[in-house]
Each structure stands twice: as C-alpha cells, then as structure tokens.
Amino acid sequence: MVAPIIAAVLVLFALFVAFKTVRIIPQARAGVVERLGRYQRTLGPGMAIVVPFVDKVRPLIDLREQVVTFPPQPVITQDNVSVQIDTVLYFTITDPRAASYEIASPLQAIEQLTVTTLRNIVGALTLEEALTSRERVNTELRVVLDERTGKWGIRVNGVELKSIDPPGSIQEAMEKQMRAERDRRAAILTAEGVKQSAILTAEGEKQSAVLRAEGAKTSAILRSEGDAKAIDTVFRAIHEGEPDSALLSYQYLQMLPQLAQGSANKIFVIPSELTTALGNLGGVVGNLAKSAAPAPAAEPAAAEKPQAGLPAPPDEPAA
C-alpha cells in the first residue's frame, strides 16, 4: 500500500525535476540564468538545459523593438514660452545582461532622461524654431539618448515629437499672424496676376498695332503701285490714241454726275470748265450736223448792180 504511493511521489518528483531542467525560450526572447545568485549565462531562442534548484532563469526579456509614449511634458523655450511636448520613443534591448544588471528600471530611466534632454534642447530654441525644427530636435535627442543608454544594453532607434502645444493666447496670435501672412501672399499673387495680365494685354495690343500698321503699309504700297500702273496704262492709252478736245470734253461730262453722289451732298456745284466743255461739245456736234446735212439749192442770180457813173433808173410810179 505504501509502495505505490512512494512510486507515485517519485514519478511526480521526476516530472517536476524534468520541468525545471528543460526550458524552452521563444523566438525574439532571451533568458538570463543565475546560478546560486550570480550571473551564469544568457539563454537564446530554443530548448535549453538548466540545473534545477541551482540555476534560476529570470523573467524573459523581449528583444523586439518597443514603443513607449511619454505623457506631455512642460518645456520653456528660449523666448520664455511654456509649451507642452508629447514624445514617442523607439528602442531595442541589445544586451539582456546589461539591461538586467546595469539599470533597475529601464523605462523609467529612459523617460526621465528623455524629459531632461528635451528641456535642454528645446530650451535653447525659440518657439518658432521649435515648431519648424522638429527633425533637428529628433536627431539631437536620439543621439544623446543612444549615447547614454548604450551602457544599459539599450539602443534608441528614434525619438519623435508627437505634438508641441503652445498656450492658447500664443496659438491665437499665431493664427492671426498666419492669416495676415496668407492675406498678404494672396494680395501679392493677385497683384502679380493683374500685372502679368496688363503686360500680356499691352503686348497683344502692341503686336496687333504693329500688324495693322504693317498691313496698312503693305496695302498702301500695293494700292499706290496699282494706281501708278493704272495711271501709266491710261497715260499710254491716251497718248497712243491721240484724243482731241471733243473726246476729253465728253469724258469730263461723263464724270460730272459722280460729283453729286453721296447722301451728304446738298448743293450741286457746276465748275467753270463746264461751259468750255459744253461749247467744245456743241461745236463738235454742229460740225457733225453740217457734214451730215444735204447741200442747198443754187440761189437765183442777183440783180446786176448799176454801173458806176450812171444814174439809177427812176422808180416806177405807184399804181
């Protein structure tokens, strides 16, 4: 009766010893082994054998990159403006032994170091520089933290400023300044647009005037050349045809009605040359009529004139 109980106890004890002897470490984890209270080794991922009741495995350490968000911290800038800065820290444990024995509370130490370094960096900047130089602040903060946390077995991969919140009055003043700046830029852009539009309009009018002038010049030249050719042709035709005064008078009379054309002409002026032209034309017409009329019959012979020195015959007495 006692033997089975002892056997069962031994089996349970053997299982407990086996459980204490074999340890399985997950991926991206590390276990620090202490033998009789002193550091003995670091266990990597996989199965490991430890001496039960002699070796002690501390809580596993996560080797992945970790993200820590710190609450907003008040920071005074160089121009005495108190701002609230919210930060995010990215870090990785590279040495489990140093992270276990070099620092008691790594996260608390990193937080305090971040706040102190942030106040030193931002305290040397004005509010405008702090708002516009986040990348610079992030870089300087990461370099300082990585240098200080290296001996703790922690590597700082990056520090980001989530927000920089100035006081409400400062925000209102900044909004007014930004609004005024936007209005100024809008006015400048509008003025530039009006200026460019005026320049383009003037250039277009200039080119249009130049083209019109060139067209008028070319038209005048062509018209003058045409008139010259027409005058030359008429001149040649007149000289070759040898016109007389009658033809010129007839052409003058044909051009005379054109002087009265036009709705604005109220008075018809007859030039003095018209009488001369009419006289010439009348003479021509009379000559033509005489040449076309038949020859007149011969008149009876006139009475003989009395001879000189002889008395005239006496008049016959009246009946």
C-alpha atoms as a PDB file:
ATOM      1  CA  MET A   1       0.000   0.000   0.000  1.00  0.00           C
ATOM      2  CA  VAL A   2       2.855   2.364   0.848  1.00  0.00           C
ATOM      3  CA  ALA A   3       4.964   1.317  -2.136  1.00  0.00           C
ATOM      4  CA  PRO A   4       2.557   2.571  -4.797  1.00  0.00           C
ATOM      5  CA  ILE A   5       2.282   5.939  -3.013  1.00  0.00           C
ATOM      6  CA  ILE A   6       6.069   6.280  -2.864  1.00  0.00           C
ATOM      7  CA  ALA A   7       6.316   5.338  -6.565  1.00  0.00           C
ATOM      8  CA  ALA A   8       3.735   7.945  -7.489  1.00  0.00           C
ATOM      9  CA  VAL A   9       5.547  10.587  -5.454  1.00  0.00           C
ATOM     10  CA  LEU A  10       8.828   9.709  -7.158  1.00  0.00           C
ATOM     11  CA  VAL A  11       7.206   9.934 -10.579  1.00  0.00           C
ATOM     12  CA  LEU A  12       5.774  13.353  -9.799  1.00  0.00           C
ATOM     13  CA  PHE A  13       9.118  14.484  -8.435  1.00  0.00           C
ATOM     14  CA  ALA A  14      10.877  13.259 -11.584  1.00  0.00           C
ATOM     15  CA  LEU A  15       8.395  15.155 -13.734  1.00  0.00           C
ATOM     16  CA  PHE A  16       8.904  18.302 -11.663  1.00  0.00           C
ATOM     17  CA  VAL A  17      12.695  17.980 -11.948  1.00  0.00           C
ATOM     18  CA  ALA A  18      12.408  17.447 -15.720  1.00  0.00           C
ATOM     19  CA  PHE A  19      10.186  20.503 -15.981  1.00  0.00           C
ATOM     20  CA  LYS A  20      12.742  22.538 -14.084  1.00  0.00           C
ATOM     21  CA  THR A  21      15.610  21.132 -16.137  1.00  0.00           C
ATOM     22  CA  VAL A  22      14.266  21.762 -19.630  1.00  0.00           C
ATOM     23  CA  ARG A  23      13.415  25.357 -20.622  1.00  0.00           C
ATOM     24  CA  ILE A  24      12.081  26.476 -23.998  1.00  0.00           C
ATOM     25  CA  ILE A  25      12.833  30.072 -24.974  1.00  0.00           C
ATOM     26  CA  PRO A  26      10.538  31.631 -27.659  1.00  0.00           C
ATOM     27  CA  GLN A  27      11.862  33.494 -30.685  1.00  0.00           C
ATOM     28  CA  ALA A  28      12.936  37.149 -30.062  1.00  0.00           C
ATOM     29  CA  ARG A  29      13.207  36.435 -26.352  1.00  0.00           C
ATOM     30  CA  ALA A  30      16.216  35.982 -24.080  1.00  0.00           C
ATOM     31  CA  GLY A  31      16.578  34.442 -20.621  1.00  0.00           C
ATOM     32  CA  VAL A  32      19.237  35.376 -18.071  1.00  0.00           C
ATOM     33  CA  VAL A  33      20.396  32.394 -15.977  1.00  0.00           C
ATOM     34  CA  GLU A  34      21.679  32.901 -12.432  1.00  0.00           C
ATOM     35  CA  ARG A  35      23.498  30.125 -10.660  1.00  0.00           C
ATOM     36  CA  LEU A  36      23.366  30.445  -6.931  1.00  0.00           C
ATOM     37  CA  GLY A  37      22.527  34.132  -7.328  1.00  0.00           C
ATOM     38  CA  ARG A  38      25.281  35.026  -9.760  1.00  0.00           C
ATOM     39  CA  TYR A  39      25.019  35.600 -13.495  1.00  0.00           C
ATOM     40  CA  GLN A  40      25.840  32.400 -15.300  1.00  0.00           C
ATOM     41  CA  ARG A  41      24.736  32.774 -18.959  1.00  0.00           C
ATOM     42  CA  THR A  42      22.067  34.072 -21.339  1.00  0.00           C
ATOM     43  CA  LEU A  43      19.678  31.663 -22.994  1.00  0.00           C
ATOM     44  CA  GLY A  44      18.778  32.186 -26.642  1.00  0.00           C
ATOM     45  CA  PRO A  45      15.659  31.022 -28.532  1.00  0.00           C
ATOM     46  CA  GLY A  46      15.081  27.249 -28.454  1.00  0.00           C
ATOM     47  CA  MET A  47      15.400  24.475 -25.850  1.00  0.00           C
ATOM     48  CA  ALA A  48      17.923  24.831 -23.009  1.00  0.00           C
ATOM     49  CA  ILE A  49      19.010  22.637 -20.084  1.00  0.00           C
ATOM     50  CA  VAL A  50      19.470  24.161 -16.657  1.00  0.00           C
ATOM     51  CA  VAL A  51      20.369  22.644 -13.319  1.00  0.00           C
ATOM     52  CA  PRO A  52      17.242  22.521 -11.204  1.00  0.00           C
ATOM     53  CA  PHE A  53      17.326  24.108  -7.751  1.00  0.00           C
ATOM     54  CA  VAL A  54      20.751  25.584  -8.629  1.00  0.00           C
ATOM     55  CA  ASP A  55      20.109  27.680 -11.768  1.00  0.00           C
ATOM     56  CA  LYS A  56      17.403  30.312 -11.840  1.00  0.00           C
ATOM     57  CA  VAL A  57      16.031  31.806 -15.054  1.00  0.00           C
ATOM     58  CA  ARG A  58      14.975  35.441 -14.687  1.00  0.00           C
ATOM     59  CA  PRO A  59      11.859  36.739 -16.481  1.00  0.00           C
ATOM     60  CA  LEU A  60      12.312  36.639 -20.231  1.00  0.00           C
ATOM     61  CA  ILE A  61      13.427  39.833 -21.968  1.00  0.00           C
ATOM     62  CA  ASP A  62      11.771  40.966 -25.206  1.00  0.00           C
ATOM     63  CA  LEU A  63      14.377  41.678 -27.907  1.00  0.00           C
ATOM     64  CA  ARG A  64      11.955  43.266 -30.373  1.00  0.00           C
ATOM     65  CA  GLU A  65      11.704  46.991 -30.983  1.00  0.00           C
ATOM     66  CA  GLN A  66       9.468  48.573 -28.402  1.00  0.00           C
ATOM     67  CA  VAL A  67       7.466  51.778 -28.467  1.00  0.00           C
ATOM     68  CA  VAL A  68       6.961  53.921 -25.403  1.00  0.00           C
ATOM     69  CA  THR A  69       4.751  57.008 -25.267  1.00  0.00           C
ATOM     70  CA  PHE A  70       5.551  59.572 -22.607  1.00  0.00           C
ATOM     71  CA  PRO A  71       2.926  61.996 -21.288  1.00  0.00           C
ATOM     72  CA  PRO A  72       3.211  65.660 -22.324  1.00  0.00           C
ATOM     73  CA  GLN A  73       5.957  67.499 -20.510  1.00  0.00           C
ATOM     74  CA  PRO A  74       6.121  71.286 -19.931  1.00  0.00           C
ATOM     75  CA  VAL A  75       9.158  72.856 -21.587  1.00  0.00           C
ATOM     76  CA  ILE A  76      10.151  76.544 -21.610  1.00  0.00           C
ATOM     77  CA  THR A  77      11.642  77.829 -24.834  1.00  0.00           C
ATOM     78  CA  GLN A  78      14.363  80.453 -25.190  1.00  0.00           C
ATOM     79  CA  ASP A  79      11.779  83.247 -25.584  1.00  0.00           C
ATOM     80  CA  ASN A  80      10.081  82.237 -22.288  1.00  0.00           C
ATOM     81  CA  VAL A  81       7.079  80.438 -23.782  1.00  0.00           C
ATOM     82  CA  SER A  82       5.877  77.341 -21.951  1.00  0.00           C
ATOM     83  CA  VAL A  83       4.885  74.564 -24.326  1.00  0.00           C
ATOM     84  CA  GLN A  84       3.619  71.030 -23.816  1.00  0.00           C
ATOM     85  CA  ILE A  85       5.649  68.448 -25.750  1.00  0.00           C
ATOM     86  CA  ASP A  86       4.451  64.885 -26.271  1.00  0.00           C
ATOM     87  CA  THR A  87       7.161  62.375 -27.298  1.00  0.00           C
ATOM     88  CA  VAL A  88       7.339  58.816 -28.604  1.00  0.00           C
ATOM     89  CA  LEU A  89      10.430  56.652 -28.089  1.00  0.00           C
ATOM     90  CA  TYR A  90      11.513  53.606 -30.126  1.00  0.00           C
ATOM     91  CA  PHE A  91      14.164  51.400 -28.533  1.00  0.00           C
ATOM     92  CA  THR A  92      15.577  47.855 -28.655  1.00  0.00           C
ATOM     93  CA  ILE A  93      17.334  45.812 -25.964  1.00  0.00           C
ATOM     94  CA  THR A  94      20.619  44.619 -27.426  1.00  0.00           C
ATOM     95  CA  ASP A  95      22.297  43.202 -24.286  1.00  0.00           C
ATOM     96  CA  PRO A  96      19.962  41.304 -21.916  1.00  0.00           C
ATOM     97  CA  ARG A  97      22.658  41.009 -19.233  1.00  0.00           C
ATOM     98  CA  ALA A  98      23.308  44.795 -19.114  1.00  0.00           C
ATOM     99  CA  ALA A  99      19.580  45.545 -19.233  1.00  0.00           C
ATOM    100  CA  SER A 100      19.105  43.231 -16.218  1.00  0.00           C
ATOM    101  CA  TYR A 101      22.002  44.357 -14.025  1.00  0.00           C
ATOM    102  CA  GLU A 102      23.059  47.866 -15.175  1.00  0.00           C
ATOM    103  CA  ILE A 103      19.736  49.608 -14.633  1.00  0.00           C
ATOM    104  CA  ALA A 104      16.952  48.850 -12.178  1.00  0.00           C
ATOM    105  CA  SER A 105      14.026  50.349 -14.138  1.00  0.00           C
ATOM    106  CA  PRO A 106      14.936  50.881 -17.794  1.00  0.00           C
ATOM    107  CA  LEU A 107      11.654  52.509 -18.873  1.00  0.00           C
ATOM    108  CA  GLN A 108      11.599  54.983 -16.019  1.00  0.00           C
ATOM    109  CA  ALA A 109      15.236  55.860 -16.594  1.00  0.00           C
ATOM    110  CA  ILE A 110      14.634  56.400 -20.307  1.00  0.00           C
ATOM    111  CA  GLU A 111      11.618  58.603 -19.603  1.00  0.00           C
ATOM    112  CA  GLN A 112      13.477  60.848 -17.186  1.00  0.00           C
ATOM    113  CA  LEU A 113      16.479  61.048 -19.478  1.00  0.00           C
ATOM    114  CA  THR A 114      14.198  61.977 -22.399  1.00  0.00           C
ATOM    115  CA  VAL A 115      12.470  64.751 -20.459  1.00  0.00           C
ATOM    116  CA  THR A 116      15.773  66.222 -19.246  1.00  0.00           C
ATOM    117  CA  THR A 117      17.409  66.119 -22.662  1.00  0.00           C
ATOM    118  CA  LEU A 118      14.298  67.532 -24.330  1.00  0.00           C
ATOM    119  CA  ARG A 119      14.259  70.517 -21.988  1.00  0.00           C
ATOM    120  CA  ASN A 120      17.919  71.198 -22.670  1.00  0.00           C
ATOM    121  CA  ILE A 121      17.475  71.085 -26.449  1.00  0.00           C
ATOM    122  CA  VAL A 122      14.173  72.969 -26.721  1.00  0.00           C
ATOM    123  CA  GLY A 123      15.268  75.480 -24.070  1.00  0.00           C
ATOM    124  CA  ALA A 124      17.946  76.703 -26.477  1.00  0.00           C
ATOM    125  CA  LEU A 125      15.397  77.323 -29.261  1.00  0.00           C
ATOM    126  CA  THR A 126      12.719  79.914 -29.777  1.00  0.00           C
ATOM    127  CA  LEU A 127       9.092  78.883 -30.210  1.00  0.00           C
ATOM    128  CA  GLU A 128       9.216  79.355 -33.964  1.00  0.00           C
ATOM    129  CA  GLU A 129      12.426  77.334 -34.242  1.00  0.00           C
ATOM    130  CA  ALA A 130      10.982  74.573 -32.080  1.00  0.00           C
ATOM    131  CA  LEU A 131       7.875  74.388 -34.268  1.00  0.00           C
ATOM    132  CA  THR A 132       9.809  74.358 -37.526  1.00  0.00           C
ATOM    133  CA  SER A 133      12.842  72.286 -36.481  1.00  0.00           C
ATOM    134  CA  ARG A 134      11.309  69.036 -35.299  1.00  0.00           C
ATOM    135  CA  GLU A 135      13.680  66.937 -37.345  1.00  0.00           C
ATOM    136  CA  ARG A 136      16.632  68.689 -35.780  1.00  0.00           C
ATOM    137  CA  VAL A 137      15.237  68.168 -32.257  1.00  0.00           C
ATOM    138  CA  ASN A 138      14.530  64.498 -33.002  1.00  0.00           C
ATOM    139  CA  THR A 139      18.068  63.897 -34.250  1.00  0.00           C
ATOM    140  CA  GLU A 140      19.785  65.610 -31.330  1.00  0.00           C
ATOM    141  CA  LEU A 141      17.542  63.867 -28.828  1.00  0.00           C
ATOM    142  CA  ARG A 142      18.177  60.432 -30.350  1.00  0.00           C
ATOM    143  CA  VAL A 143      21.962  60.942 -30.365  1.00  0.00           C
ATOM    144  CA  VAL A 144      22.040  61.961 -26.696  1.00  0.00           C
ATOM    145  CA  LEU A 145      19.725  59.147 -25.568  1.00  0.00           C
ATOM    146  CA  ASP A 146      21.539  56.492 -27.589  1.00  0.00           C
ATOM    147  CA  GLU A 147      24.854  57.547 -26.088  1.00  0.00           C
ATOM    148  CA  ARG A 148      23.532  57.427 -22.519  1.00  0.00           C
ATOM    149  CA  THR A 149      21.533  54.195 -22.858  1.00  0.00           C
ATOM    150  CA  GLY A 150      24.279  52.257 -24.663  1.00  0.00           C
ATOM    151  CA  LYS A 151      25.824  51.101 -21.392  1.00  0.00           C
ATOM    152  CA  TRP A 152      22.403  49.811 -20.285  1.00  0.00           C
ATOM    153  CA  GLY A 153      22.265  47.436 -23.239  1.00  0.00           C
ATOM    154  CA  ILE A 154      19.532  49.527 -24.889  1.00  0.00           C
ATOM    155  CA  ARG A 155      19.701  51.076 -28.356  1.00  0.00           C
ATOM    156  CA  VAL A 156      17.458  54.071 -29.066  1.00  0.00           C
ATOM    157  CA  ASN A 157      16.260  53.778 -32.671  1.00  0.00           C
ATOM    158  CA  GLY A 158      14.329  57.015 -32.835  1.00  0.00           C
ATOM    159  CA  VAL A 159      12.535  59.753 -30.969  1.00  0.00           C
ATOM    160  CA  GLU A 160       9.538  61.583 -32.394  1.00  0.00           C
ATOM    161  CA  LEU A 161       7.798  64.706 -31.148  1.00  0.00           C
ATOM    162  CA  LYS A 162       4.110  63.947 -31.454  1.00  0.00           C
ATOM    163  CA  SER A 163       2.922  67.462 -30.686  1.00  0.00           C
ATOM    164  CA  ILE A 164       4.122  70.838 -29.478  1.00  0.00           C
ATOM    165  CA  ASP A 165       1.241  72.754 -27.908  1.00  0.00           C
ATOM    166  CA  PRO A 166       1.865  76.413 -27.003  1.00  0.00           C
ATOM    167  CA  PRO A 167      -0.579  78.323 -24.737  1.00  0.00           C
ATOM    168  CA  GLY A 168      -3.976  79.373 -26.097  1.00  0.00           C
ATOM    169  CA  SER A 169      -3.081  83.053 -26.360  1.00  0.00           C
ATOM    170  CA  ILE A 170       0.068  82.202 -28.317  1.00  0.00           C
ATOM    171  CA  GLN A 171      -1.914  79.944 -30.634  1.00  0.00           C
ATOM    172  CA  GLU A 172      -4.446  82.702 -31.284  1.00  0.00           C
ATOM    173  CA  ALA A 173      -1.676  85.207 -32.037  1.00  0.00           C
ATOM    174  CA  MET A 174      -0.005  82.696 -34.345  1.00  0.00           C
ATOM    175  CA  GLU A 175      -3.271  82.078 -36.169  1.00  0.00           C
ATOM    176  CA  LYS A 176      -3.744  85.818 -36.679  1.00  0.00           C
ATOM    177  CA  GLN A 177      -0.185  86.119 -37.949  1.00  0.00           C
ATOM    178  CA  MET A 178      -0.666  83.194 -40.309  1.00  0.00           C
ATOM    179  CA  ARG A 179      -3.966  84.651 -41.533  1.00  0.00           C
ATOM    180  CA  ALA A 180      -2.305  88.023 -42.171  1.00  0.00           C
ATOM    181  CA  GLU A 181       0.562  86.296 -43.953  1.00  0.00           C
ATOM    182  CA  ARG A 182      -1.863  84.349 -46.151  1.00  0.00           C
ATOM    183  CA  ASP A 183      -3.774  87.555 -46.943  1.00  0.00           C
ATOM    184  CA  ARG A 184      -0.508  89.285 -47.841  1.00  0.00           C
ATOM    185  CA  ARG A 185       0.527  86.438 -50.108  1.00  0.00           C
ATOM    186  CA  ALA A 186      -2.918  86.399 -51.721  1.00  0.00           C
ATOM    187  CA  ALA A 187      -2.694  90.159 -52.344  1.00  0.00           C
ATOM    188  CA  ILE A 188       0.788  89.749 -53.816  1.00  0.00           C
ATOM    189  CA  LEU A 189      -0.352  86.921 -56.076  1.00  0.00           C
ATOM    190  CA  THR A 190      -3.393  88.937 -57.172  1.00  0.00           C
ATOM    191  CA  ALA A 191      -1.203  91.952 -57.948  1.00  0.00           C
ATOM    192  CA  GLU A 192       1.221  89.757 -59.851  1.00  0.00           C
ATOM    193  CA  GLY A 193      -1.669  88.279 -61.820  1.00  0.00           C
ATOM    194  CA  VAL A 194      -3.039  91.730 -62.668  1.00  0.00           C
ATOM    195  CA  LYS A 195       0.454  92.879 -63.648  1.00  0.00           C
ATOM    196  CA  GLN A 196       1.034  89.883 -65.894  1.00  0.00           C
ATOM    197  CA  SER A 197      -2.428  90.323 -67.416  1.00  0.00           C
ATOM    198  CA  ALA A 198      -1.740  94.006 -68.141  1.00  0.00           C
ATOM    199  CA  ILE A 199       1.650  93.137 -69.623  1.00  0.00           C
ATOM    200  CA  LEU A 200       0.171  90.439 -71.834  1.00  0.00           C
ATOM    201  CA  THR A 201      -2.676  92.753 -72.887  1.00  0.00           C
ATOM    202  CA  ALA A 202      -0.228  95.540 -73.739  1.00  0.00           C
ATOM    203  CA  GLU A 203       1.977  93.107 -75.646  1.00  0.00           C
ATOM    204  CA  GLY A 204      -1.052  91.852 -77.551  1.00  0.00           C
ATOM    205  CA  GLU A 205      -2.205  95.389 -78.377  1.00  0.00           C
ATOM    206  CA  LYS A 206       1.332  96.297 -79.426  1.00  0.00           C
ATOM    207  CA  GLN A 207       1.604  93.311 -81.723  1.00  0.00           C
ATOM    208  CA  SER A 208      -1.895  93.995 -83.074  1.00  0.00           C
ATOM    209  CA  ALA A 209      -0.999  97.648 -83.762  1.00  0.00           C
ATOM    210  CA  VAL A 210       2.246  96.609 -85.437  1.00  0.00           C
ATOM    211  CA  LEU A 211       0.428  94.068 -87.584  1.00  0.00           C
ATOM    212  CA  ARG A 212      -2.263  96.612 -88.504  1.00  0.00           C
ATOM    213  CA  ALA A 213       0.406  99.173 -89.372  1.00  0.00           C
ATOM    214  CA  GLU A 214       2.264  96.599 -91.449  1.00  0.00           C
ATOM    215  CA  GLY A 215      -0.987  95.664 -93.182  1.00  0.00           C
ATOM    216  CA  ALA A 216      -1.875  99.307 -93.829  1.00  0.00           C
ATOM    217  CA  LYS A 217       1.642  99.948 -95.125  1.00  0.00           C
ATOM    218  CA  THR A 218       1.520  96.955 -97.441  1.00  0.00           C
ATOM    219  CA  SER A 219      -1.990  97.898 -98.574  1.00  0.00           C
ATOM    220  CA  ALA A 220      -0.953 101.483 -99.252  1.00  0.00           C
ATOM    221  CA  ILE A 221       2.099 100.318-101.172  1.00  0.00           C
ATOM    222  CA  LEU A 222       0.062  97.876-103.247  1.00  0.00           C
ATOM    223  CA  ARG A 223      -2.652 100.500-103.823  1.00  0.00           C
ATOM    224  CA  SER A 224      -0.060 103.068-104.872  1.00  0.00           C
ATOM    225  CA  GLU A 225       1.572 100.559-107.183  1.00  0.00           C
ATOM    226  CA  GLY A 226      -1.857  99.707-108.647  1.00  0.00           C
ATOM    227  CA  ASP A 227      -2.736 103.384-109.086  1.00  0.00           C
ATOM    228  CA  ALA A 228       0.647 104.027-110.678  1.00  0.00           C
ATOM    229  CA  LYS A 229       0.157 101.144-113.085  1.00  0.00           C
ATOM    230  CA  ALA A 230      -3.397 102.285-113.860  1.00  0.00           C
ATOM    231  CA  ILE A 231      -2.262 105.886-114.466  1.00  0.00           C
ATOM    232  CA  ASP A 232       0.587 104.647-116.618  1.00  0.00           C
ATOM    233  CA  THR A 233      -1.777 102.447-118.606  1.00  0.00           C
ATOM    234  CA  VAL A 234      -4.272 105.284-119.079  1.00  0.00           C
ATOM    235  CA  PHE A 235      -1.473 107.679-119.949  1.00  0.00           C
ATOM    236  CA  ARG A 236      -0.119 105.296-122.569  1.00  0.00           C
ATOM    237  CA  ALA A 237      -3.596 104.661-123.974  1.00  0.00           C
ATOM    238  CA  ILE A 238      -4.333 108.413-124.195  1.00  0.00           C
ATOM    239  CA  HIS A 239      -1.082 109.217-125.918  1.00  0.00           C
ATOM    240  CA  GLU A 240      -1.341 106.284-128.256  1.00  0.00           C
ATOM    241  CA  GLY A 241      -4.983 107.138-129.115  1.00  0.00           C
ATOM    242  CA  GLU A 242      -4.232 110.866-129.653  1.00  0.00           C
ATOM    243  CA  PRO A 243      -7.585 112.146-128.267  1.00  0.00           C
ATOM    244  CA  ASP A 244      -8.930 115.506-129.331  1.00  0.00           C
ATOM    245  CA  SER A 245     -10.680 118.157-127.269  1.00  0.00           C
ATOM    246  CA  ALA A 246     -14.106 116.767-128.104  1.00  0.00           C
ATOM    247  CA  LEU A 247     -13.313 113.363-126.539  1.00  0.00           C
ATOM    248  CA  LEU A 248     -11.893 114.999-123.436  1.00  0.00           C
ATOM    249  CA  SER A 249     -14.997 117.161-123.110  1.00  0.00           C
ATOM    250  CA  TYR A 250     -17.220 114.091-123.446  1.00  0.00           C
ATOM    251  CA  GLN A 251     -15.286 112.217-120.742  1.00  0.00           C
ATOM    252  CA  TYR A 252     -15.499 115.261-118.497  1.00  0.00           C
ATOM    253  CA  LEU A 253     -19.288 115.334-118.903  1.00  0.00           C
ATOM    254  CA  GLN A 254     -19.483 111.612-118.020  1.00  0.00           C
ATOM    255  CA  MET A 255     -17.543 112.148-114.785  1.00  0.00           C
ATOM    256  CA  LEU A 256     -19.612 115.176-113.790  1.00  0.00           C
ATOM    257  CA  PRO A 257     -22.603 113.199-112.294  1.00  0.00           C
ATOM    258  CA  GLN A 258     -20.265 111.439-109.886  1.00  0.00           C
ATOM    259  CA  LEU A 259     -19.635 114.773-108.180  1.00  0.00           C
ATOM    260  CA  ALA A 260     -23.224 114.737-106.917  1.00  0.00           C
ATOM    261  CA  GLN A 261     -23.116 111.208-105.490  1.00  0.00           C
ATOM    262  CA  GLY A 262     -23.378 110.793-101.720  1.00  0.00           C
ATOM    263  CA  SER A 263     -26.155 111.338 -99.192  1.00  0.00           C
ATOM    264  CA  ALA A 264     -24.334 114.343 -97.697  1.00  0.00           C
ATOM    265  CA  ASN A 265     -24.283 116.347-100.909  1.00  0.00           C
ATOM    266  CA  LYS A 266     -26.981 119.033-100.699  1.00  0.00           C
ATOM    267  CA  ILE A 267     -25.593 121.544-103.232  1.00  0.00           C
ATOM    268  CA  PHE A 268     -24.579 120.695-106.795  1.00  0.00           C
ATOM    269  CA  VAL A 269     -21.667 122.895-107.873  1.00  0.00           C
ATOM    270  CA  ILE A 270     -21.086 123.348-111.598  1.00  0.00           C
ATOM    271  CA  PRO A 271     -17.442 124.030-112.341  1.00  0.00           C
ATOM    272  CA  SER A 272     -16.485 126.884-114.648  1.00  0.00           C
ATOM    273  CA  GLU A 273     -14.849 124.445-117.004  1.00  0.00           C
ATOM    274  CA  LEU A 274     -18.304 123.025-117.792  1.00  0.00           C
ATOM    275  CA  THR A 275     -19.132 125.923-120.136  1.00  0.00           C
ATOM    276  CA  THR A 276     -15.948 125.380-122.049  1.00  0.00           C
ATOM    277  CA  ALA A 277     -16.653 121.668-122.310  1.00  0.00           C
ATOM    278  CA  LEU A 278     -20.209 122.278-123.450  1.00  0.00           C
ATOM    279  CA  GLY A 279     -19.018 124.814-126.013  1.00  0.00           C
ATOM    280  CA  ASN A 280     -16.483 122.421-127.422  1.00  0.00           C
ATOM    281  CA  LEU A 281     -19.021 119.614-127.441  1.00  0.00           C
ATOM    282  CA  GLY A 282     -21.582 121.893-129.148  1.00  0.00           C
ATOM    283  CA  GLY A 283     -19.109 122.882-131.802  1.00  0.00           C
ATOM    284  CA  VAL A 284     -18.315 119.282-132.468  1.00  0.00           C
ATOM    285  CA  VAL A 285     -21.983 118.344-132.675  1.00  0.00           C
ATOM    286  CA  GLY A 286     -22.626 121.298-135.061  1.00  0.00           C
ATOM    287  CA  ASN A 287     -19.812 120.298-137.325  1.00  0.00           C
ATOM    288  CA  LEU A 288     -21.104 116.769-137.398  1.00  0.00           C
ATOM    289  CA  ALA A 289     -24.607 118.045-138.271  1.00  0.00           C
ATOM    290  CA  LYS A 290     -23.330 120.288-141.078  1.00  0.00           C
ATOM    291  CA  SER A 291     -21.334 117.491-142.561  1.00  0.00           C
ATOM    292  CA  ALA A 292     -24.336 115.189-142.459  1.00  0.00           C
ATOM    293  CA  ALA A 293     -26.922 117.757-143.958  1.00  0.00           C
ATOM    294  CA  PRO A 294     -27.602 117.811-147.845  1.00  0.00           C
ATOM    295  CA  ALA A 295     -26.134 120.599-149.984  1.00  0.00           C
ATOM    296  CA  PRO A 296     -28.568 123.641-150.501  1.00  0.00           C
ATOM    297  CA  ALA A 297     -30.010 124.583-154.000  1.00  0.00           C
ATOM    298  CA  ALA A 298     -28.375 127.330-156.099  1.00  0.00           C
ATOM    299  CA  GLU A 299     -29.787 130.766-155.449  1.00  0.00           C
ATOM    300  CA  PRO A 300     -31.003 132.932-158.420  1.00  0.00           C
ATOM    301  CA  ALA A 301     -28.586 135.413-159.846  1.00  0.00           C
ATOM    302  CA  ALA A 302     -28.578 138.661-158.079  1.00  0.00           C
ATOM    303  CA  ALA A 303     -29.664 141.759-159.857  1.00  0.00           C
ATOM    304  CA  GLU A 304     -26.985 143.498-161.582  1.00  0.00           C
ATOM    305  CA  LYS A 305     -25.628 146.369-159.769  1.00  0.00           C
ATOM    306  CA  PRO A 306     -25.722 149.715-161.520  1.00  0.00           C
ATOM    307  CA  GLN A 307     -22.649 150.691-163.202  1.00  0.00           C
ATOM    308  CA  ALA A 308     -20.637 153.298-161.666  1.00  0.00           C
ATOM    309  CA  GLY A 309     -21.202 156.759-163.039  1.00  0.00           C
ATOM    310  CA  LEU A 310     -24.655 156.016-164.452  1.00  0.00           C
ATOM    311  CA  PRO A 311     -27.853 157.357-162.923  1.00  0.00           C
ATOM    312  CA  ALA A 312     -30.209 154.929-161.316  1.00  0.00           C
ATOM    313  CA  PRO A 313     -33.394 154.191-163.194  1.00  0.00           C
ATOM    314  CA  PRO A 314     -36.374 156.055-161.891  1.00  0.00           C
ATOM    315  CA  ASP A 315     -38.790 154.345-159.599  1.00  0.00           C
ATOM    316  CA  GLU A 316     -41.938 153.141-161.126  1.00  0.00           C
ATOM    317  CA  PRO A 317     -44.943 155.198-160.080  1.00  0.00           C
ATOM    318  CA  ALA A 318     -47.277 153.666-157.655  1.00  0.00           C
ATOM    319  CA  ALA A 319     -50.403 152.200-159.060  1.00  0.00           C
END
